[in-house]
Amino acid sequence: MEHTELLVVGGGPVGLSAALWAAKYGLKCVLVERHENPYHHPKARGVRTRAMELFGLLGVGEELRALAPADPEYGFVYCETLAGAEYGRTPAGGASFDQSPTSDTRIAQDQLETVLRRTVAERGGVVTRYGTAVEDIEQDDSGVSVTVVDTSTGARNVITADYVIAADGANSATRKALGIDCDGVDIGFWQSVYWHGDLAGAIDGRAAIQYLTADPEGGFVTVAPVDGHSRWVTFRMRGRDGHHPGQLTPEESRALIARAVGRDVNPEIISTATYLVSATVARQYRSGRVFLAGDAAHTFPPTGGFGLNTGVGDVHNLLWKIALTASGAASDALLDTYEAERRPIAQSNASWSADNAARFDAVWENIASGESPGDPITRQKAHLLAIQRDLGFRYGVADDYRELDLTAKVGRRAPYLRVTSYGEPTSSLHLFDGRITLLHRRDGGAWTDAARLLNERLKFPIEVVEVGAREFEVDEQAFADSYSLANESALLIRPDGHIAWRSDDQAGVELNDAVAALLVL
């Protein structure tokens, strides 16, 4: 029998991210994954800006950017075929470098998993069990007991853990074992072909994230670059009636590619896959000491690119809470805030992604009826520029994401700023990472004194940072525009970089009460 503080079930990008955060917070962690090797079919191909920020904090952001192809000029190109008539284009969009130190990055999921697996192995602090499946799970007030089986030998073992994160995918065996149902709808099935070939002549200089071509059978067939030049994935929607369409044969795959491209490109078929497309959210994210994350907690249609990215955000929200609770610095009730904060985000992203799929369909409905696709393409353009949804979401506050506002408000990620800290260039994101920060204007030492008194009884101390001091030198105008923090005012920033309290907005709440609320003491 083996014991650990945290057991992560699932070794995809979400589970591996959870393991890296666990190691960063000093938690003893074991990760089990039923597959020996990363899944090579590129189910996901993009990491949004916020997830790239988090990967940067984990120390792998630059490597992921280096592996990605150059950012394309266009987001989506709508056309009859790649070699045929074009109906319209939308820009790639994404955050500016005033809003974030990074940006959306086009990297295939197999590459992402390979980097994360290697990083977990190199960093240490995490025991990995690839080729290991969960067979049974039991828990009581003292912990969780998980029976696992080696998928190659059949050997069984029991791992006990203080906490478990289930990141074992849309068909999560852990979620089912816990009896947690999901709300939502099944939409259909993606039939996907991963292939190698030369499309330079058909693209004719129009580098894009995706090429959406007309499907004679209704809807669209998408051709998308995986590496920017020779690896591609082509997919279409089928089975909207709930009937599983099966896997595409090599002959069907080649015919689908030729029809979308508008010519035969002699593709080398690497693999095919068929996925259920759904928009669902688990009814609860916590069952005792077990927490759902990623696709185990929510599924979205791929029309929006928030599936993997929302999952990475889940574990970023959860791990600091587990770490502080495990250390005794916070109460167990802090762990309830994980569901309270992340489930509404998933509900919003699931709904938006499903609506996004309908907006894509509207383009092709206009084309099929002989109408101009211009209006639906224009409407879709606004929805695809999802910076607010990615960077500006707020915990505890409903948002329709119609207006771009990334300023410092309670519940939102503290805005990114370029910072000089003790003579070294860095970012505000790095300075706030992993600690409770009291950021304040110069005040003669009142905030420092207040924090010192609190720290005498806290197990996780507050770090006091003064704007303009050597640790936090910033451009005054940039700070004023993003933070609007008056003299003698302060912000309390959580270990995940989100703002917990503003003294000027919550004048009736004292720092002592704000910290108690943050840690649910």
Foldseek 3Di string as FASTA:
>chain_A
DAEFAEEEEAQFLLSLLLLLLCVVLPGQYEYEHQAQAFDPDQPDFKAFQLLLLSVVLSPCNVVQQVQFDDDFQFAEWEAQALQHGTQDTFGNAWDDCLFHVDTMTGAGRRVSSVSSVVSSVVSDSYHYHYSKAWDAWDDDQQWIWTWIARNPPRDIDIYTHRFYEYAHAQVGPVCVNLVWDKDWDWQFKKKKWKWWFFLCPSNVRRQYQWYWHADPVAFTKIWGDRRRGTIIMIIDTDGRVVDHPDHQDPVRVQVRNCSRNVHRGPIGTDDIDMDTAIFIAIPFQDDNRYGYAASNGTGAGPLQPCRVNLRNVLSLQQSLLSSCCVVVLFPPVLNRVSRQFSRVLSNLRRVLRVVSSVLSSQLNVCVVVVHRSVVSVVVSNLSNNQCCSNQVDFGPDDDPSNDDANAADARGFHGWFFWQALNRTDIPQNVLAQAKEKEAEDDPCPVVVVQVVVQVPGPGGYHYHYECPRGGDGDPVSCCVRYVHDHPKIWIADNSRGTQDTCVVCVVADPVNSVCVNRVD
